[in-house]
Protein backbone atom coordinates (compact mmCIF):
# COMPACT_ATOMS: atom_id res chain seq x y z
CA MET A 1 0.06 -0.11 -0.17
CA SER A 2 1.14 3.49 -0.98
CA THR A 3 2.38 5.65 1.85
CA GLN A 4 1.58 9.01 -0.16
CA GLN A 5 -1.65 10.41 0.98
CA LEU A 6 -1.36 13.40 -1.18
CA ASP A 7 0.56 13.67 -4.65
CA LEU A 8 0.77 16.84 -6.59
CA ARG A 9 2.27 16.26 -10.31
CA HIS A 10 3.12 19.53 -12.34
CA VAL A 11 0.03 21.42 -11.17
CA GLY A 12 -0.75 24.90 -12.35
CA LYS A 13 -3.27 27.67 -11.91
CA VAL A 14 -3.94 30.31 -14.45
CA PHE A 15 -6.80 32.94 -13.76
CA ALA A 16 -8.29 35.35 -16.37
CA THR A 17 -8.25 39.04 -15.29
CA ALA A 18 -11.02 41.52 -16.06
CA ALA A 19 -9.10 42.81 -19.01
CA GLY A 20 -8.82 39.46 -20.65
CA ALA A 21 -5.02 38.69 -19.95
CA ARG A 22 -4.02 35.58 -18.16
CA PHE A 23 -2.26 35.71 -15.08
CA ALA A 24 0.07 32.54 -13.75
CA ALA A 25 -0.61 32.13 -10.04
CA LEU A 26 0.86 28.77 -9.74
CA THR A 27 3.17 26.84 -12.31
CA ASP A 28 4.77 23.25 -12.35
CA VAL A 29 4.09 22.21 -8.45
CA SER A 30 5.00 18.91 -7.98
CA PHE A 31 5.41 17.43 -4.33
CA THR A 32 4.12 14.50 -1.96
CA VAL A 33 2.86 14.32 1.43
CA ASN A 34 3.10 10.93 3.16
CA VAL A 35 0.49 9.60 5.62
CA GLY A 36 0.75 11.14 9.05
CA GLU A 37 3.44 13.65 7.87
CA PHE A 38 2.88 17.58 8.81
CA VAL A 39 4.04 19.74 5.80
CA ALA A 40 4.34 23.50 6.14
CA LEU A 41 4.28 25.62 2.87
CA VAL A 42 5.84 29.03 3.50
CA GLY A 43 6.71 32.13 1.23
CA ALA A 44 6.37 35.90 0.33
CA SER A 45 2.89 37.26 -0.23
CA GLY A 46 1.71 36.22 -3.75
CA CYS A 47 3.59 33.14 -3.93
CA GLY A 48 0.58 31.09 -4.40
CA LYS A 49 0.01 29.21 -0.96
CA SER A 50 -3.55 29.72 -0.28
CA THR A 51 -4.38 29.44 -3.95
CA LEU A 52 -2.60 25.80 -3.91
CA LEU A 53 -4.51 24.64 -0.78
CA ARG A 54 -7.86 25.66 -2.78
CA LEU A 55 -6.93 23.39 -5.52
CA ILE A 56 -6.26 20.50 -3.15
CA ALA A 57 -9.35 20.99 -1.08
CA GLY A 58 -11.29 21.00 -4.52
CA LEU A 59 -12.50 24.60 -4.19
CA ASP A 60 -11.07 25.59 -7.11
CA PRO A 61 -9.89 23.52 -10.47
CA ALA A 62 -6.05 23.20 -11.38
CA SER A 63 -5.57 24.66 -14.86
CA SER A 64 -2.93 21.55 -15.31
CA GLY A 65 -1.50 18.66 -13.74
CA GLU A 66 -2.57 16.41 -11.56
CA ILE A 67 -3.68 16.23 -7.85
CA LEU A 68 -4.20 12.64 -6.10
CA VAL A 69 -5.32 12.23 -2.63
CA ALA A 70 -4.43 8.40 -1.54
CA GLY A 71 -3.67 7.68 -4.97
CA ARG A 72 -6.95 8.89 -6.40
CA PRO A 73 -7.83 11.74 -8.56
CA PHE A 74 -11.35 13.93 -7.19
CA VAL A 75 -13.47 16.67 -8.42
CA GLY A 76 -14.62 19.24 -6.22
CA PRO A 77 -14.61 18.82 -2.26
CA GLY A 78 -14.76 15.60 -0.62
CA ARG A 79 -15.17 14.07 2.67
CA GLU A 80 -11.50 12.58 2.46
CA ARG A 81 -10.53 16.40 2.69
CA ALA A 82 -11.22 19.09 5.41
CA MET A 83 -10.14 22.42 5.50
CA VAL A 84 -9.49 25.14 8.59
CA PHE A 85 -10.03 28.72 7.53
CA GLN A 86 -8.02 31.63 9.49
CA ASP A 87 -11.36 33.46 10.01
CA TYR A 88 -13.19 30.25 11.89
CA SER A 89 -16.32 29.97 10.06
CA LEU A 90 -18.53 29.18 12.72
CA TYR A 91 -22.28 29.22 12.43
CA PRO A 92 -23.34 31.87 15.18
CA TRP A 93 -26.75 30.58 15.69
CA LEU A 94 -25.24 27.09 16.73
CA SER A 95 -23.76 25.87 20.06
CA VAL A 96 -19.98 24.85 20.39
CA LEU A 97 -21.21 21.42 20.11
CA ASP A 98 -23.67 21.85 17.08
CA ASN A 99 -21.08 23.66 15.18
CA ILE A 100 -18.64 20.49 15.54
CA ARG A 101 -21.40 18.14 14.58
CA PHE A 102 -22.83 20.40 11.70
CA SER A 103 -21.40 18.25 8.78
CA ARG A 104 -23.64 15.30 9.80
CA ARG A 105 -26.41 17.64 8.35
CA LEU A 106 -24.83 17.05 5.07
CA ARG A 107 -26.71 14.79 2.78
CA ALA A 108 -23.45 13.19 1.56
CA ASN A 109 -22.88 12.83 5.18
CA ARG A 110 -26.33 11.41 6.43
CA ALA A 111 -25.77 8.81 3.48
CA LEU A 112 -23.15 7.34 5.47
CA GLN A 113 -23.71 4.19 7.21
CA ARG A 114 -22.29 5.40 10.89
CA GLU A 115 -24.96 5.50 13.11
CA GLN A 116 -25.63 8.98 14.54
CA ALA A 117 -24.72 7.67 18.23
CA SER A 118 -21.05 7.38 17.01
CA ALA A 119 -20.98 10.36 15.70
CA ASP A 120 -22.08 12.14 18.90
CA ALA A 121 -19.43 10.18 20.64
CA ARG A 122 -16.76 11.41 18.33
CA ALA A 123 -18.15 14.86 18.87
CA GLN A 124 -17.69 14.03 22.76
CA LEU A 125 -14.38 12.89 22.18
CA LEU A 126 -13.25 16.03 20.09
CA LEU A 127 -14.64 17.99 22.92
CA GLN A 128 -12.09 16.81 25.39
CA LEU A 129 -9.43 16.46 22.98
CA MET A 130 -9.75 20.18 22.24
CA GLY A 131 -10.28 21.31 25.71
CA LEU A 132 -14.01 22.57 24.93
CA GLU A 133 -16.32 20.45 27.34
CA ARG A 134 -16.92 23.42 29.47
CA VAL A 135 -18.12 25.37 26.66
CA ARG A 136 -20.00 22.79 24.95
CA ASP A 137 -23.51 24.67 25.02
CA ALA A 138 -21.84 28.03 24.29
CA TYR A 139 -22.25 30.28 21.26
CA PRO A 140 -19.60 31.48 19.32
CA ASN A 141 -19.85 35.45 20.36
CA VAL A 142 -18.82 34.56 23.95
CA LEU A 143 -15.93 32.97 22.70
CA SER A 144 -12.08 33.94 22.60
CA GLY A 145 -10.25 33.73 19.05
CA GLY A 146 -8.25 30.91 20.32
CA MET A 147 -11.41 28.68 21.42
CA ARG A 148 -13.30 29.48 18.17
CA GLN A 149 -10.50 28.17 16.38
CA ARG A 150 -10.42 25.06 18.62
CA VAL A 151 -13.92 24.44 17.56
CA ALA A 152 -12.93 24.86 13.81
CA ILE A 153 -10.41 22.65 14.12
CA ALA A 154 -12.46 20.00 15.83
CA ARG A 155 -15.45 20.44 13.35
CA ALA A 156 -13.03 19.46 10.66
CA LEU A 157 -11.82 16.56 12.35
CA LEU A 158 -15.26 15.05 13.23
CA ASN A 159 -15.55 12.86 9.73
CA GLU A 160 -11.86 11.56 10.19
CA PRO A 161 -10.57 13.02 6.94
CA GLU A 162 -7.55 11.55 5.25
CA LEU A 163 -6.21 15.07 4.77
CA LEU A 164 -6.25 17.99 6.77
CA LEU A 165 -5.62 21.37 5.20
CA MET A 166 -5.26 24.51 7.36
CA ASP A 167 -4.82 27.95 5.64
CA GLU A 168 -3.02 30.18 8.34
CA PRO A 169 -5.30 29.14 11.00
CA PHE A 170 -3.74 31.16 14.01
CA GLY A 171 -2.85 34.30 11.76
CA ALA A 172 -5.31 36.10 13.60
CA LEU A 173 -4.20 35.15 17.23
CA ASP A 174 -2.03 36.85 19.94
CA ALA A 175 1.43 35.66 20.29
CA GLN A 176 0.52 33.85 23.69
CA THR A 177 -2.72 32.14 22.42
CA ARG A 178 -0.86 31.28 19.03
CA GLU A 179 1.87 29.33 21.27
CA VAL A 180 -1.06 27.39 23.18
CA MET A 181 -2.63 26.32 19.84
CA HIS A 182 0.89 25.29 18.37
CA ASP A 183 0.75 22.77 21.31
CA LEU A 184 -2.49 21.73 20.75
CA ILE A 185 -2.19 20.83 17.26
CA LEU A 186 1.04 18.63 18.03
CA HIS A 187 -1.17 16.87 20.43
CA VAL A 188 -3.76 16.33 17.92
CA LEU A 189 -1.88 15.48 15.33
CA ALA A 190 0.08 12.86 17.99
CA SER A 191 -3.42 11.57 19.12
CA GLU A 192 -5.26 11.44 15.66
CA ARG A 193 -2.48 10.74 13.35
CA ARG A 194 -3.77 12.80 10.71
CA THR A 195 -1.66 14.10 7.51
CA ILE A 196 -1.71 17.90 7.49
CA LEU A 197 -0.77 20.36 5.08
CA PHE A 198 -0.48 23.84 6.93
CA VAL A 199 -0.15 27.30 4.98
CA THR A 200 1.38 29.87 7.37
CA HIS A 201 3.37 33.32 6.84
CA ASP A 202 5.28 32.40 10.33
CA VAL A 203 8.83 30.63 9.71
CA GLU A 204 9.02 29.97 13.14
CA GLU A 205 5.39 28.60 13.46
CA ALA A 206 6.21 26.43 10.18
CA VAL A 207 9.88 24.98 11.65
CA TYR A 208 8.03 23.92 15.05
CA LEU A 209 4.98 22.16 13.80
CA ALA A 210 6.48 20.62 10.65
CA ASP A 211 8.31 17.44 9.60
CA ARG A 212 9.10 19.46 6.24
CA VAL A 213 8.78 23.15 5.30
CA ILE A 214 8.33 23.93 1.41
CA VAL A 215 9.25 27.27 0.43
CA LEU A 216 7.27 28.92 -2.61
CA ALA A 217 8.42 31.26 -4.66
CA PRO A 218 6.48 34.23 -6.69
CA ASP A 219 5.85 35.33 -9.96
CA PRO A 220 4.59 32.78 -10.92
CA GLY A 221 4.20 30.70 -7.63
CA ARG A 222 6.46 27.54 -7.91
CA ILE A 223 8.50 25.53 -5.46
CA ASP A 224 11.68 26.84 -4.52
CA SER A 225 13.32 24.69 -1.78
CA VAL A 226 12.19 21.67 0.67
CA TRP A 227 13.94 21.84 4.18
CA PRO A 228 13.31 18.47 6.42
CA ILE A 229 13.11 19.49 9.78
CA SER A 230 15.14 17.38 12.15
CA LEU A 231 13.44 17.90 15.59
CA PRO A 232 12.19 15.55 18.15
CA PRO A 233 8.45 13.98 17.43
CA ALA A 234 5.43 15.78 17.80
CA ARG A 235 4.91 14.53 21.73
CA GLU A 236 8.36 15.63 22.56
CA ARG A 237 8.37 19.10 21.32
CA THR A 238 7.96 22.02 23.52
CA GLN A 239 8.16 25.68 23.55
CA GLN A 240 11.42 25.50 24.83
CA LEU A 241 12.80 23.99 21.73
CA LYS A 242 12.19 27.45 19.92
CA GLU A 243 15.39 28.48 21.67
CA ALA A 244 17.67 25.36 20.51
CA PRO A 245 20.73 26.51 18.07
CA GLU A 246 19.17 23.79 15.33
CA PHE A 247 15.84 25.48 15.67
CA LEU A 248 16.96 28.94 15.15
CA ALA A 249 19.38 27.98 12.39
CA ALA A 250 16.47 25.92 10.40
CA ALA A 251 14.30 29.33 11.01
CA ARG A 252 17.11 31.98 9.80
CA GLN A 253 18.03 29.40 6.73
CA ILE A 254 14.51 29.53 5.66
CA ARG A 255 13.90 33.17 6.35
CA ALA A 256 16.78 33.77 3.97
CA ARG A 257 15.28 31.78 1.05
CA ILE A 258 12.12 33.68 1.57
CA ARG A 259 13.92 36.88 1.16
CA ALA A 260 16.20 35.88 -1.79
CA THR A 261 12.86 34.81 -3.58
CA SER A 262 10.78 37.74 -2.89
CA GLY A 263 13.32 40.45 -4.16
CA LEU A 264 12.91 42.54 -1.06
CA GLN A 265 16.08 44.36 -0.20
CA SER A 266 16.77 43.97 3.35
CA ASP A 267 20.54 45.28 3.16
CA ARG A 268 20.91 47.99 6.08
CA VAL A 269 23.40 50.02 3.72
CA ALA A 270 20.66 50.48 1.00
CA LEU A 271 18.15 51.36 4.04
CA GLN A 272 20.27 53.84 5.64
CA ARG A 273 20.89 55.51 1.83
CA LEU A 274 16.97 56.13 1.37
CA ALA A 275 16.83 57.24 4.71
CA ARG A 276 19.34 60.18 3.90
CA ASP A 277 17.50 60.54 0.38
CA LEU A 278 14.16 61.26 2.31
CA ARG A 279 15.74 64.10 4.68
């Protein structure tokens, strides 16, 4: 049996502009993600990270190439894939528990043979795993950003997807809450053994969470480099790891590649020259 959960083969995406021109957002993107692996996508703004995630989720079609999940092609969204967005996307009229169970209302899931009692038991398990038991009957408007994102992640996990796609899920959170969520997602990864593809602008976040980090370059979006992360397994990672020399070195090298691909000038001499010209 193949160990590849996700296989992208020469994937490209072209958009048509209002003026009738063609804009290439992605070109010739190829990589695989193994079962149980955590892969992070990083890169400068405009390199196509979120566009690529939408293609894999089936929200938009690829213009070229092929995307396989567990060796199978697909058309549109499917229950083997679940996506977590930055903006939580919770239903304000539903409680925490009912938000988590919402996917059971969808026709495709109602047709499954799994009994409702089993789905309810799964929802209860996720409440415990995500630390949401005390707010199970609360509504989203009374929850903090971190708690709302926990609900969104639990909802995505309800149907036990083969592939969890996360598009900057912690980008809107403060630094302290983000650290809590980092440790929570590592706990979920170890407990649920999910395959995760994670988009972020935060290099330290990528290095702390991932088994591999893929750097995308812009104009058009393409793979620049792939960085294996040689850190302890998920259950053994702690916030103190972020102070380790090997962690700092990996983050520094990846940031350098992003700067090199973005075309941004970070030379202090050039900035000082610009400051003098503005006087």
